PDB file of N, CA and C in Angstrom:
ATOM      1  N   UNK A   1      97.438 157.114 100.783  1.00  0.00           N
ATOM      2  CA  UNK A   1      97.298 155.897 100.021  1.00  0.00           C
ATOM      3  C   UNK A   1      96.142 156.066  99.044  1.00  0.00           C
ATOM      4  N   UNK A   2      96.396 155.771  97.814  1.00  0.00           N
ATOM      5  CA  UNK A   2      95.364 155.897  96.794  1.00  0.00           C
ATOM      6  C   UNK A   2      94.554 154.621  96.658  1.00  0.00           C
ATOM      7  N   UNK A   3      93.584 154.687  95.760  1.00  0.00           N
ATOM      8  CA  UNK A   3      92.694 153.550  95.517  1.00  0.00           C
ATOM      9  C   UNK A   3      93.475 152.375  94.940  1.00  0.00           C
ATOM     10  N   UNK A   4      94.385 152.641  94.040  1.00  0.00           N
ATOM     11  CA  UNK A   4      95.185 151.580  93.426  1.00  0.00           C
ATOM     12  C   UNK A   4      96.067 150.871  94.438  1.00  0.00           C
ATOM     13  N   UNK A   5      96.668 151.646  95.330  1.00  0.00           N
ATOM     14  CA  UNK A   5      97.528 151.036  96.352  1.00  0.00           C
ATOM     15  C   UNK A   5      96.704 150.193  97.337  1.00  0.00           C
ATOM     16  N   UNK A   6      95.520 150.674  97.677  1.00  0.00           N
ATOM     17  CA  UNK A   6      94.646 149.924  98.580  1.00  0.00           C
ATOM     18  C   UNK A   6      94.225 148.603  97.928  1.00  0.00           C
ATOM     19  N   UNK A   7      93.857 148.672  96.633  1.00  0.00           N
ATOM     20  CA  UNK A   7      93.468 147.464  95.911  1.00  0.00           C
ATOM     21  C   UNK A   7      94.637 146.482  95.834  1.00  0.00           C
ATOM     22  N   UNK A   8      95.841 146.966  95.580  1.00  0.00           N
ATOM     23  CA  UNK A   8      97.025 146.108  95.501  1.00  0.00           C
ATOM     24  C   UNK A   8      97.300 145.453  96.862  1.00  0.00           C
ATOM     25  N   UNK A   9      97.144 146.222  97.943  1.00  0.00           N
ATOM     26  CA  UNK A   9      97.364 145.680  99.279  1.00  0.00           C
ATOM     27  C   UNK A   9      96.362 144.570  99.596  1.00  0.00           C
ATOM     28  N   UNK A  10      95.097 144.790  99.233  1.00  0.00           N
ATOM     29  CA  UNK A  10      94.062 143.779  99.480  1.00  0.00           C
ATOM     30  C   UNK A  10      94.341 142.522  98.656  1.00  0.00           C
ATOM     31  N   UNK A  11      94.745 142.698  97.410  1.00  0.00           N
ATOM     32  CA  UNK A  11      95.063 141.552  96.557  1.00  0.00           C
ATOM     33  C   UNK A  11      96.256 140.776  97.114  1.00  0.00           C
ATOM     34  N   UNK A  12      97.277 141.496  97.551  1.00  0.00           N
ATOM     35  CA  UNK A  12      98.459 140.860  98.122  1.00  0.00           C
ATOM     36  C   UNK A  12      98.111 140.121  99.419  1.00  0.00           C
ATOM     37  N   UNK A  13      97.260 140.729 100.233  1.00  0.00           N
ATOM     38  CA  UNK A  13      96.835 140.073 101.471  1.00  0.00           C
ATOM     39  C   UNK A  13      96.043 138.801 101.149  1.00  0.00           C
ATOM     40  N   UNK A  14      95.204 138.840 100.133  1.00  0.00           N
ATOM     41  CA  UNK A  14      94.440 137.652  99.724  1.00  0.00           C
ATOM     42  C   UNK A  14      95.355 136.532  99.262  1.00  0.00           C
ATOM     43  N   UNK A  15      96.371 136.885  98.488  1.00  0.00           N
ATOM     44  CA  UNK A  15      97.328 135.877  98.024  1.00  0.00           C
ATOM     45  C   UNK A  15      98.091 135.295  99.212  1.00  0.00           C
ATOM     46  N   UNK A  16      98.483 136.136 100.162  1.00  0.00           N
ATOM     47  CA  UNK A  16      99.212 135.658 101.346  1.00  0.00           C
ATOM     48  C   UNK A  16      98.340 134.706 102.168  1.00  0.00           C
ATOM     49  N   UNK A  17      97.067 135.035 102.312  1.00  0.00           N
ATOM     50  CA  UNK A  17      96.151 134.162 103.060  1.00  0.00           C
ATOM     51  C   UNK A  17      95.980 132.824 102.332  1.00  0.00           C
ATOM     52  N   UNK A  18      95.848 132.862 101.021  1.00  0.00           N
ATOM     53  CA  UNK A  18      95.711 131.626 100.240  1.00  0.00           C
ATOM     54  C   UNK A  18      96.960 130.755 100.386  1.00  0.00           C
ATOM     55  N   UNK A  19      98.135 131.367 100.341  1.00  0.00           N
ATOM     56  CA  UNK A  19      99.372 130.608 100.513  1.00  0.00           C
ATOM     57  C   UNK A  19      99.463 130.003 101.908  1.00  0.00           C
ATOM     58  N   UNK A  20      99.042 130.749 102.903  1.00  0.00           N
ATOM     59  CA  UNK A  20      99.065 130.241 104.273  1.00  0.00           C
ATOM     60  C   UNK A  20      98.128 129.047 104.441  1.00  0.00           C
ATOM     61  N   UNK A  21      96.934 129.147 103.882  1.00  0.00           N
ATOM     62  CA  UNK A  21      95.978 128.042 103.949  1.00  0.00           C
ATOM     63  C   UNK A  21      96.535 126.819 103.233  1.00  0.00           C
ATOM     64  N   UNK A  22      97.160 127.021 102.077  1.00  0.00           N
ATOM     65  CA  UNK A  22      97.751 125.907 101.340  1.00  0.00           C
ATOM     66  C   UNK A  22      98.865 125.248 102.143  1.00  0.00           C
ATOM     67  N   UNK A  23      99.694 126.051 102.793  1.00  0.00           N
ATOM     68  CA  UNK A  23     100.782 125.502 103.602  1.00  0.00           C
ATOM     69  C   UNK A  23     100.241 124.685 104.769  1.00  0.00           C
ATOM     70  N   UNK A  24      99.174 125.146 105.389  1.00  0.00           N
ATOM     71  CA  UNK A  24      98.565 124.403 106.498  1.00  0.00           C
ATOM     72  C   UNK A  24      98.014 123.068 105.996  1.00  0.00           C
ATOM     73  N   UNK A  25      97.361 123.055 104.849  1.00  0.00           N
ATOM     74  CA  UNK A  25      96.809 121.813 104.292  1.00  0.00           C
ATOM     75  C   UNK A  25      97.922 120.834 103.940  1.00  0.00           C
ATOM     76  N   UNK A  26      98.997 121.322 103.355  1.00  0.00           N
ATOM     77  CA  UNK A  26     100.126 120.443 103.028  1.00  0.00           C
ATOM     78  C   UNK A  26     100.705 119.844 104.305  1.00  0.00           C
ATOM     79  N   UNK A  27     100.828 120.641 105.347  1.00  0.00           N
ATOM     80  CA  UNK A  27     101.355 120.154 106.615  1.00  0.00           C
ATOM     81  C   UNK A  27     100.431 119.104 107.219  1.00  0.00           C
ATOM     82  N   UNK A  28      99.129 119.325 107.168  1.00  0.00           N
ATOM     83  CA  UNK A  28      98.165 118.348 107.687  1.00  0.00           C
ATOM     84  C   UNK A  28      98.289 117.019 106.943  1.00  0.00           C
ATOM     85  N   UNK A  29      98.388 117.086 105.628  1.00  0.00           N
ATOM     86  CA  UNK A  29      98.498 115.861 104.828  1.00  0.00           C
ATOM     87  C   UNK A  29      99.809 115.130 105.108  1.00  0.00           C
ATOM     88  N   UNK A  30     100.880 115.873 105.292  1.00  0.00           N
ATOM     89  CA  UNK A  30     102.172 115.272 105.591  1.00  0.00           C
ATOM     90  C   UNK A  30     102.122 114.550 106.938  1.00  0.00           C
ATOM     91  N   UNK A  31     101.516 115.180 107.932  1.00  0.00           N
ATOM     92  CA  UNK A  31     101.403 114.562 109.258  1.00  0.00           C
ATOM     93  C   UNK A  31     100.531 113.312 109.178  1.00  0.00           C
ATOM     94  N   UNK A  32      99.431 113.357 108.438  1.00  0.00           N
ATOM     95  CA  UNK A  32      98.560 112.189 108.281  1.00  0.00           C
ATOM     96  C   UNK A  32      99.311 111.052 107.593  1.00  0.00           C
ATOM     97  N   UNK A  33     100.139 111.391 106.598  1.00  0.00           N
ATOM     98  CA  UNK A  33     100.946 110.377 105.903  1.00  0.00           C
ATOM     99  C   UNK A  33     101.922 109.720 106.867  1.00  0.00           C
ATOM    100  N   UNK A  34     102.603 110.523 107.684  1.00  0.00           N
ATOM    101  CA  UNK A  34     103.571 109.987 108.640  1.00  0.00           C
ATOM    102  C   UNK A  34     102.880 109.096 109.668  1.00  0.00           C
ATOM    103  N   UNK A  35     101.711 109.504 110.162  1.00  0.00           N
ATOM    104  CA  UNK A  35     100.971 108.698 111.129  1.00  0.00           C
ATOM    105  C   UNK A  35     100.549 107.368 110.513  1.00  0.00           C
ATOM    106  N   UNK A  36     100.079 107.395 109.270  1.00  0.00           N
ATOM    107  CA  UNK A  36      99.681 106.161 108.592  1.00  0.00           C
ATOM    108  C   UNK A  36     100.882 105.241 108.391  1.00  0.00           C
ATOM    109  N   UNK A  37     102.015 105.826 108.066  1.00  0.00           N
ATOM    110  CA  UNK A  37     103.239 105.042 107.864  1.00  0.00           C
ATOM    111  C   UNK A  37     103.665 104.373 109.174  1.00  0.00           C
ATOM    112  N   UNK A  38     103.609 105.108 110.283  1.00  0.00           N
ATOM    113  CA  UNK A  38     103.959 104.540 111.586  1.00  0.00           C
ATOM    114  C   UNK A  38     102.990 103.432 111.982  1.00  0.00           C
ATOM    115  N   UNK A  39     101.720 103.631 111.708  1.00  0.00           N
ATOM    116  CA  UNK A  39     100.720 102.606 112.030  1.00  0.00           C
ATOM    117  C   UNK A  39     100.974 101.339 111.214  1.00  0.00           C
ATOM    118  N   UNK A  40     101.335 101.509 109.947  1.00  0.00           N
ATOM    119  CA  UNK A  40     101.632 100.354 109.096  1.00  0.00           C
ATOM    120  C   UNK A  40     102.863  99.612 109.601  1.00  0.00           C
ATOM    121  N   UNK A  41     103.863 100.341 110.077  1.00  0.00           N
ATOM    122  CA  UNK A  41     105.060  99.695 110.612  1.00  0.00           C
ATOM    123  C   UNK A  41     104.719  98.902 111.866  1.00  0.00           C
ATOM    124  N   UNK A  42     103.866  99.462 112.715  1.00  0.00           N
ATOM    125  CA  UNK A  42     103.444  98.747 113.919  1.00  0.00           C
ATOM    126  C   UNK A  42     102.681  97.480 113.577  1.00  0.00           C
ATOM    127  N   UNK A  43     101.814  97.572 112.576  1.00  0.00           N
ATOM    128  CA  UNK A  43     101.053  96.409 112.140  1.00  0.00           C
ATOM    129  C   UNK A  43     101.976  95.344 111.570  1.00  0.00           C
ATOM    130  N   UNK A  44     102.971  95.755 110.811  1.00  0.00           N
ATOM    131  CA  UNK A  44     103.918  94.801 110.239  1.00  0.00           C
ATOM    132  C   UNK A  44     104.705  94.092 111.340  1.00  0.00           C
ATOM    133  N   UNK A  45     105.100  94.820 112.371  1.00  0.00           N
ATOM    134  CA  UNK A  45     105.834  94.212 113.483  1.00  0.00           C
ATOM    135  C   UNK A  45     104.949  93.206 114.216  1.00  0.00           C
ATOM    136  N   UNK A  46     103.686  93.543 114.432  1.00  0.00           N
ATOM    137  CA  UNK A  46     102.768  92.613 115.083  1.00  0.00           C
ATOM    138  C   UNK A  46     102.548  91.377 114.219  1.00  0.00           C
ATOM    139  N   UNK A  47     102.459  91.573 112.897  1.00  0.00           N
ATOM    140  CA  UNK A  47     102.296  90.434 111.991  1.00  0.00           C
ATOM    141  C   UNK A  47     103.502  89.510 112.053  1.00  0.00           C
ATOM    142  N   UNK A  48     104.713  90.083 112.077  1.00  0.00           N
ATOM    143  CA  UNK A  48     105.923  89.256 112.174  1.00  0.00           C
ATOM    144  C   UNK A  48     105.933  88.471 113.484  1.00  0.00           C
ATOM    145  N   UNK A  49     105.506  89.118 114.571  1.00  0.00           N
ATOM    146  CA  UNK A  49     105.464  88.426 115.864  1.00  0.00           C
ATOM    147  C   UNK A  49     104.463  87.277 115.821  1.00  0.00           C
ATOM    148  N   UNK A  50     103.313  87.512 115.211  1.00  0.00           N
ATOM    149  CA  UNK A  50     102.306  86.451 115.109  1.00  0.00           C
ATOM    150  C   UNK A  50     102.788  85.302 114.232  1.00  0.00           C
ATOM    151  N   UNK A  51     103.434  85.621 113.126  1.00  0.00           N
ATOM    152  CA  UNK A  51     103.966  84.577 112.248  1.00  0.00           C
ATOM    153  C   UNK A  51     104.996  83.739 112.990  1.00  0.00           C
ATOM    154  N   UNK A  52     105.842  84.390 113.758  1.00  0.00           N
ATOM    155  CA  UNK A  52     106.844  83.668 114.535  1.00  0.00           C
ATOM    156  C   UNK A  52     106.171  82.733 115.535  1.00  0.00           C
ATOM    157  N   UNK A  53     105.154  83.215 116.213  1.00  0.00           N
ATOM    158  CA  UNK A  53     104.443  82.374 117.184  1.00  0.00           C
ATOM    159  C   UNK A  53     103.754  81.201 116.490  1.00  0.00           C
ATOM    160  N   UNK A  54     103.167  81.446 115.336  1.00  0.00           N
ATOM    161  CA  UNK A  54     102.490  80.373 114.601  1.00  0.00           C
ATOM    162  C   UNK A  54     103.492  79.316 114.168  1.00  0.00           C
ATOM    163  N   UNK A  55     104.665  79.740 113.698  1.00  0.00           N
ATOM    164  CA  UNK A  55     105.690  78.779 113.288  1.00  0.00           C
ATOM    165  C   UNK A  55     106.105  77.896 114.453  1.00  0.00           C
ATOM    166  N   UNK A  56     106.275  78.489 115.624  1.00  0.00           N
ATOM    167  CA  UNK A  56     106.653  77.704 116.806  1.00  0.00           C
ATOM    168  C   UNK A  56     105.535  76.731 117.160  1.00  0.00           C
ATOM    169  N   UNK A  57     104.304  77.204 117.141  1.00  0.00           N
ATOM    170  CA  UNK A  57     103.181  76.322 117.466  1.00  0.00           C
ATOM    171  C   UNK A  57     103.044  75.188 116.451  1.00  0.00           C
ATOM    172  N   UNK A  58     103.261  75.478 115.170  1.00  0.00           N
ATOM    173  CA  UNK A  58     103.205  74.427 114.149  1.00  0.00           C
ATOM    174  C   UNK A  58     104.280  73.385 114.398  1.00  0.00           C
ATOM    175  N   UNK A  59     105.472  73.857 114.754  1.00  0.00           N
ATOM    176  CA  UNK A  59     106.577  72.929 115.031  1.00  0.00           C
ATOM    177  C   UNK A  59     106.250  72.062 116.239  1.00  0.00           C
ATOM    178  N   UNK A  60     105.687  72.669 117.274  1.00  0.00           N
ATOM    179  CA  UNK A  60     105.336  71.913 118.477  1.00  0.00           C
ATOM    180  C   UNK A  60     104.266  70.875 118.163  1.00  0.00           C
ATOM    181  N   UNK A  61     103.258  71.251 117.404  1.00  0.00           N
ATOM    182  CA  UNK A  61     102.160  70.334 117.099  1.00  0.00           C
ATOM    183  C   UNK A  61     102.630  69.196 116.211  1.00  0.00           C
ATOM    184  N   UNK A  62     103.484  69.481 115.244  1.00  0.00           N
ATOM    185  CA  UNK A  62     103.908  68.434 114.317  1.00  0.00           C
ATOM    186  C   UNK A  62     105.001  67.545 114.902  1.00  0.00           C
ATOM    187  N   UNK A  63     105.858  68.067 115.767  1.00  0.00           N
ATOM    188  CA  UNK A  63     106.946  67.263 116.327  1.00  0.00           C
ATOM    189  C   UNK A  63     106.452  66.320 117.416  1.00  0.00           C
ATOM    190  N   UNK A  64     105.641  66.801 118.324  1.00  0.00           N
ATOM    191  CA  UNK A  64     105.111  66.001 119.435  1.00  0.00           C
ATOM    192  C   UNK A  64     106.229  65.273 120.180  1.00  0.00           C
ATOM    193  N   UNK A  65     107.297  65.985 120.440  1.00  0.00           N
ATOM    194  CA  UNK A  65     108.421  65.404 121.170  1.00  0.00           C
ATOM    195  C   UNK A  65     108.100  65.212 122.638  1.00  0.00           C
ATOM    196  N   UNK A  66     108.983  64.537 123.386  1.00  0.00           N
ATOM    197  CA  UNK A  66     108.732  64.289 124.801  1.00  0.00           C
ATOM    198  C   UNK A  66     108.828  65.558 125.652  1.00  0.00           C
ATOM    199  N   UNK A  67     109.398  66.609 125.098  1.00  0.00           N
ATOM    200  CA  UNK A  67     109.582  67.845 125.861  1.00  0.00           C
ATOM    201  C   UNK A  67     108.505  68.874 125.528  1.00  0.00           C
ATOM    202  N   UNK A  68     107.310  68.403 125.153  1.00  0.00           N
ATOM    203  CA  UNK A  68     106.232  69.297 124.743  1.00  0.00           C
ATOM    204  C   UNK A  68     105.840  70.261 125.864  1.00  0.00           C
ATOM    205  N   UNK A  69     105.697  69.764 127.080  1.00  0.00           N
ATOM    206  CA  UNK A  69     105.307  70.627 128.200  1.00  0.00           C
ATOM    207  C   UNK A  69     106.367  71.697 128.443  1.00  0.00           C
ATOM    208  N   UNK A  70     107.629  71.356 128.331  1.00  0.00           N
ATOM    209  CA  UNK A  70     108.716  72.327 128.520  1.00  0.00           C
ATOM    210  C   UNK A  70     108.692  73.417 127.462  1.00  0.00           C
ATOM    211  N   UNK A  71     108.406  73.041 126.222  1.00  0.00           N
ATOM    212  CA  UNK A  71     108.335  74.038 125.157  1.00  0.00           C
ATOM    213  C   UNK A  71     107.157  74.988 125.370  1.00  0.00           C
ATOM    214  N   UNK A  72     106.034  74.451 125.808  1.00  0.00           N
ATOM    215  CA  UNK A  72     104.867  75.300 126.064  1.00  0.00           C
ATOM    216  C   UNK A  72     105.162  76.279 127.190  1.00  0.00           C
ATOM    217  N   UNK A  73     105.802  75.805 128.243  1.00  0.00           N
ATOM    218  CA  UNK A  73     106.169  76.694 129.347  1.00  0.00           C
ATOM    219  C   UNK A  73     107.148  77.767 128.891  1.00  0.00           C
ATOM    220  N   UNK A  74     108.089  77.403 128.033  1.00  0.00           N
ATOM    221  CA  UNK A  74     109.039  78.393 127.508  1.00  0.00           C
ATOM    222  C   UNK A  74     108.308  79.465 126.712  1.00  0.00           C
ATOM    223  N   UNK A  75     107.301  79.065 125.942  1.00  0.00           N
ATOM    224  CA  UNK A  75     106.504  80.033 125.189  1.00  0.00           C
ATOM    225  C   UNK A  75     105.747  80.958 126.132  1.00  0.00           C
ATOM    226  N   UNK A  76     105.195  80.390 127.187  1.00  0.00           N
ATOM    227  CA  UNK A  76     104.454  81.221 128.140  1.00  0.00           C
ATOM    228  C   UNK A  76     105.373  82.244 128.791  1.00  0.00           C
ATOM    229  N   UNK A  77     106.565  81.837 129.164  1.00  0.00           N
ATOM    230  CA  UNK A  77     107.507  82.775 129.786  1.00  0.00           C
ATOM    231  C   UNK A  77     107.931  83.847 128.790  1.00  0.00           C
ATOM    232  N   UNK A  78     108.145  83.468 127.534  1.00  0.00           N
ATOM    233  CA  UNK A  78     108.559  84.441 126.517  1.00  0.00           C
ATOM    234  C   UNK A  78     107.440  85.434 126.236  1.00  0.00           C
ATOM    235  N   UNK A  79     106.197  84.968 126.220  1.00  0.00           N
ATOM    236  CA  UNK A  79     105.066  85.845 125.932  1.00  0.00           C
ATOM    237  C   UNK A  79     104.732  86.755 127.103  1.00  0.00           C
ATOM    238  N   UNK A  80     105.089  86.356 128.308  1.00  0.00           N
ATOM    239  CA  UNK A  80     104.768  87.179 129.478  1.00  0.00           C
ATOM    240  C   UNK A  80     105.504  88.508 129.441  1.00  0.00           C
ATOM    241  N   UNK A  81     106.667  88.546 128.831  1.00  0.00           N
ATOM    242  CA  UNK A  81     107.444  89.782 128.780  1.00  0.00           C
ATOM    243  C   UNK A  81     107.037  90.718 127.671  1.00  0.00           C
ATOM    244  N   UNK A  82     106.419  90.207 126.624  1.00  0.00           N
ATOM    245  CA  UNK A  82     106.078  91.055 125.479  1.00  0.00           C
ATOM    246  C   UNK A  82     104.669  90.745 124.996  1.00  0.00           C
ATOM    247  N   UNK A  83     103.653  91.252 125.683  1.00  0.00           N
ATOM    248  CA  UNK A  83     102.285  90.983 125.246  1.00  0.00           C
ATOM    249  C   UNK A  83     101.970  91.733 123.952  1.00  0.00           C
ATOM    250  N   UNK A  84     101.160  91.122 123.132  1.00  0.00           N
ATOM    251  CA  UNK A  84     100.743  91.769 121.892  1.00  0.00           C
ATOM    252  C   UNK A  84      99.554  92.669 122.172  1.00  0.00           C
ATOM    253  N   UNK A  85      99.460  93.760 121.421  1.00  0.00           N
ATOM    254  CA  UNK A  85      98.410  94.751 121.652  1.00  0.00           C
ATOM    255  C   UNK A  85      97.200  94.450 120.787  1.00  0.00           C
ATOM    256  N   UNK A  86      96.468  93.399 121.130  1.00  0.00           N
ATOM    257  CA  UNK A  86      95.265  93.056 120.395  1.00  0.00           C
ATOM    258  C   UNK A  86      94.098  93.026 121.373  1.00  0.00           C
ATOM    259  N   UNK A  87      92.964  93.454 120.900  1.00  0.00           N
ATOM    260  CA  UNK A  87      91.765  93.368 121.706  1.00  0.00           C
ATOM    261  C   UNK A  87      91.014  92.120 121.291  1.00  0.00           C
ATOM    262  N   UNK A  88      90.356  91.484 122.242  1.00  0.00           N
ATOM    263  CA  UNK A  88      89.563  90.325 121.914  1.00  0.00           C
ATOM    264  C   UNK A  88      88.288  90.761 121.210  1.00  0.00           C
ATOM    265  N   UNK A  89      87.905  89.983 120.222  1.00  0.00           N
ATOM    266  CA  UNK A  89      86.701  90.295 119.460  1.00  0.00           C
ATOM    267  C   UNK A  89      85.480  89.930 120.278  1.00  0.00           C
ATOM    268  N   UNK A  90      84.556  90.848 120.361  1.00  0.00           N
ATOM    269  CA  UNK A  90      83.338  90.592 121.113  1.00  0.00           C
ATOM    270  C   UNK A  90      82.296  89.949 120.224  1.00  0.00           C
ATOM    271  N   UNK A  91      81.663  88.923 120.752  1.00  0.00           N
ATOM    272  CA  UNK A  91      80.676  88.185 119.954  1.00  0.00           C
ATOM    273  C   UNK A  91      79.290  88.582 120.379  1.00  0.00           C
TER     274      UNK A  91
END
């Protein structure tokens, strides 16, 4: 192997390493994007659940029908099966 061939091999190896590093960075960014997208979807689902609960509570407060206790109990039973994943804020 001559000097020129050795230099070409080193240059080619450098280019291959650079391409490999670039591919790893692209993969990392893609995974971070997917994780952020999944987190946003989870947040949107929690927001929809909260909006639904608020609408029911607004209806209960404004209607004040004779079956208020029954509606509250129905809400408690419905919420017992699907708790929301929120932490209480510490004061």
